[in-house]
Amino acid sequence: MGMPSVPQLLIILVIVVLIFGAKRLKNLGGDLGSAVKGFKQAVKEEDEKPAELEDTTEQADAVMREAEEKKSV
């Protein structure tokens, strides 16, 4: 059971168009494209967050050091 051949894929496509209709498939394709775009954007934002969190951690550490220095004086 390998991959379907080109004629088999065309037959499947025709059946899907007959069942759902071209307009509905167009809307479904647009929705799928929007979902993929949103997913890629979320992944990109997630990759950027660790750098932002690292900066925040460094700032918090600096504030803690200052507070400790003031206590010891």
C-alpha atoms as a PDB file:
ATOM      1  CA  MET A   1       0.000   0.000   0.000  1.00  0.00           C
ATOM      2  CA  GLY A   2       2.085   2.872  -1.235  1.00  0.00           C
ATOM      3  CA  MET A   3       1.196   6.405  -2.109  1.00  0.00           C
ATOM      4  CA  PRO A   4      -1.849   6.888  -4.355  1.00  0.00           C
ATOM      5  CA  SER A   5      -1.055   7.609  -7.987  1.00  0.00           C
ATOM      6  CA  VAL A   6      -1.991  10.845  -9.785  1.00  0.00           C
ATOM      7  CA  PRO A   7      -5.199   9.435 -11.364  1.00  0.00           C
ATOM      8  CA  GLN A   8      -6.308   8.154  -7.956  1.00  0.00           C
ATOM      9  CA  LEU A   9      -5.677  11.578  -6.407  1.00  0.00           C
ATOM     10  CA  LEU A  10      -7.695  13.273  -9.177  1.00  0.00           C
ATOM     11  CA  ILE A  11     -10.614  10.911  -8.593  1.00  0.00           C
ATOM     12  CA  ILE A  12     -10.488  11.651  -4.855  1.00  0.00           C
ATOM     13  CA  LEU A  13     -10.405  15.398  -5.590  1.00  0.00           C
ATOM     14  CA  VAL A  14     -13.446  15.161  -7.878  1.00  0.00           C
ATOM     15  CA  ILE A  15     -15.378  13.211  -5.240  1.00  0.00           C
ATOM     16  CA  VAL A  16     -14.490  15.764  -2.549  1.00  0.00           C
ATOM     17  CA  VAL A  17     -15.589  18.672  -4.792  1.00  0.00           C
ATOM     18  CA  LEU A  18     -18.869  16.891  -5.547  1.00  0.00           C
ATOM     19  CA  ILE A  19     -19.535  16.271  -1.864  1.00  0.00           C
ATOM     20  CA  PHE A  20     -18.588  19.666  -0.456  1.00  0.00           C
ATOM     21  CA  GLY A  21     -18.846  22.032  -3.409  1.00  0.00           C
ATOM     22  CA  ALA A  22     -16.179  24.355  -4.764  1.00  0.00           C
ATOM     23  CA  LYS A  23     -17.277  27.410  -2.743  1.00  0.00           C
ATOM     24  CA  ARG A  24     -17.183  25.553   0.543  1.00  0.00           C
ATOM     25  CA  LEU A  25     -13.746  24.121  -0.272  1.00  0.00           C
ATOM     26  CA  LYS A  26     -12.507  27.634  -1.082  1.00  0.00           C
ATOM     27  CA  ASN A  27     -13.706  28.865   2.313  1.00  0.00           C
ATOM     28  CA  LEU A  28     -12.176  25.838   4.003  1.00  0.00           C
ATOM     29  CA  GLY A  29      -8.864  26.508   2.257  1.00  0.00           C
ATOM     30  CA  GLY A  30      -8.899  30.126   3.411  1.00  0.00           C
ATOM     31  CA  ASP A  31      -9.654  29.075   6.970  1.00  0.00           C
ATOM     32  CA  LEU A  32      -6.862  26.507   6.875  1.00  0.00           C
ATOM     33  CA  GLY A  33      -4.440  29.114   5.519  1.00  0.00           C
ATOM     34  CA  SER A  34      -5.360  31.535   8.306  1.00  0.00           C
ATOM     35  CA  ALA A  35      -4.874  28.803  10.901  1.00  0.00           C
ATOM     36  CA  VAL A  36      -1.430  27.919   9.545  1.00  0.00           C
ATOM     37  CA  LYS A  37      -0.451  31.598   9.471  1.00  0.00           C
ATOM     38  CA  GLY A  38      -1.585  32.061  13.073  1.00  0.00           C
ATOM     39  CA  PHE A  39       0.304  28.951  14.146  1.00  0.00           C
ATOM     40  CA  LYS A  40       3.522  30.146  12.487  1.00  0.00           C
ATOM     41  CA  GLN A  41       3.145  33.561  14.125  1.00  0.00           C
ATOM     42  CA  ALA A  42       2.612  31.964  17.550  1.00  0.00           C
ATOM     43  CA  VAL A  43       5.709  29.788  17.092  1.00  0.00           C
ATOM     44  CA  LYS A  44       7.731  32.842  16.072  1.00  0.00           C
ATOM     45  CA  GLU A  45       6.527  34.808  19.116  1.00  0.00           C
ATOM     46  CA  GLU A  46       7.313  31.844  21.381  1.00  0.00           C
ATOM     47  CA  ASP A  47      10.877  31.771  20.017  1.00  0.00           C
ATOM     48  CA  GLU A  48      11.266  35.469  20.858  1.00  0.00           C
ATOM     49  CA  LYS A  49       9.940  35.156  24.433  1.00  0.00           C
ATOM     50  CA  PRO A  50      12.984  33.478  26.026  1.00  0.00           C
ATOM     51  CA  ALA A  51      15.157  36.474  25.108  1.00  0.00           C
ATOM     52  CA  GLU A  52      12.607  38.842  26.650  1.00  0.00           C
ATOM     53  CA  LEU A  53      12.335  36.695  29.765  1.00  0.00           C
ATOM     54  CA  GLU A  54      16.114  36.572  30.038  1.00  0.00           C
ATOM     55  CA  ASP A  55      16.252  40.391  30.014  1.00  0.00           C
ATOM     56  CA  THR A  56      13.568  40.533  32.703  1.00  0.00           C
ATOM     57  CA  THR A  57      15.454  38.005  34.835  1.00  0.00           C
ATOM     58  CA  GLU A  58      18.645  40.038  34.554  1.00  0.00           C
ATOM     59  CA  GLN A  59      16.755  43.176  35.598  1.00  0.00           C
ATOM     60  CA  ALA A  60      15.222  41.373  38.578  1.00  0.00           C
ATOM     61  CA  ASP A  61      18.652  40.094  39.625  1.00  0.00           C
ATOM     62  CA  ALA A  62      20.074  43.622  39.442  1.00  0.00           C
ATOM     63  CA  VAL A  63      17.244  44.970  41.617  1.00  0.00           C
ATOM     64  CA  MET A  64      17.801  42.183  44.155  1.00  0.00           C
ATOM     65  CA  ARG A  65      21.548  42.924  44.286  1.00  0.00           C
ATOM     66  CA  GLU A  66      20.843  46.613  44.884  1.00  0.00           C
ATOM     67  CA  ALA A  67      18.413  45.764  47.683  1.00  0.00           C
ATOM     68  CA  GLU A  68      20.960  43.460  49.336  1.00  0.00           C
ATOM     69  CA  GLU A  69      23.666  46.120  49.086  1.00  0.00           C
ATOM     70  CA  LYS A  70      21.376  48.685  50.755  1.00  0.00           C
ATOM     71  CA  LYS A  71      20.612  46.224  53.584  1.00  0.00           C
ATOM     72  CA  SER A  72      24.282  45.574  54.244  1.00  0.00           C
ATOM     73  CA  VAL A  73      25.153  49.302  54.438  1.00  0.00           C
END
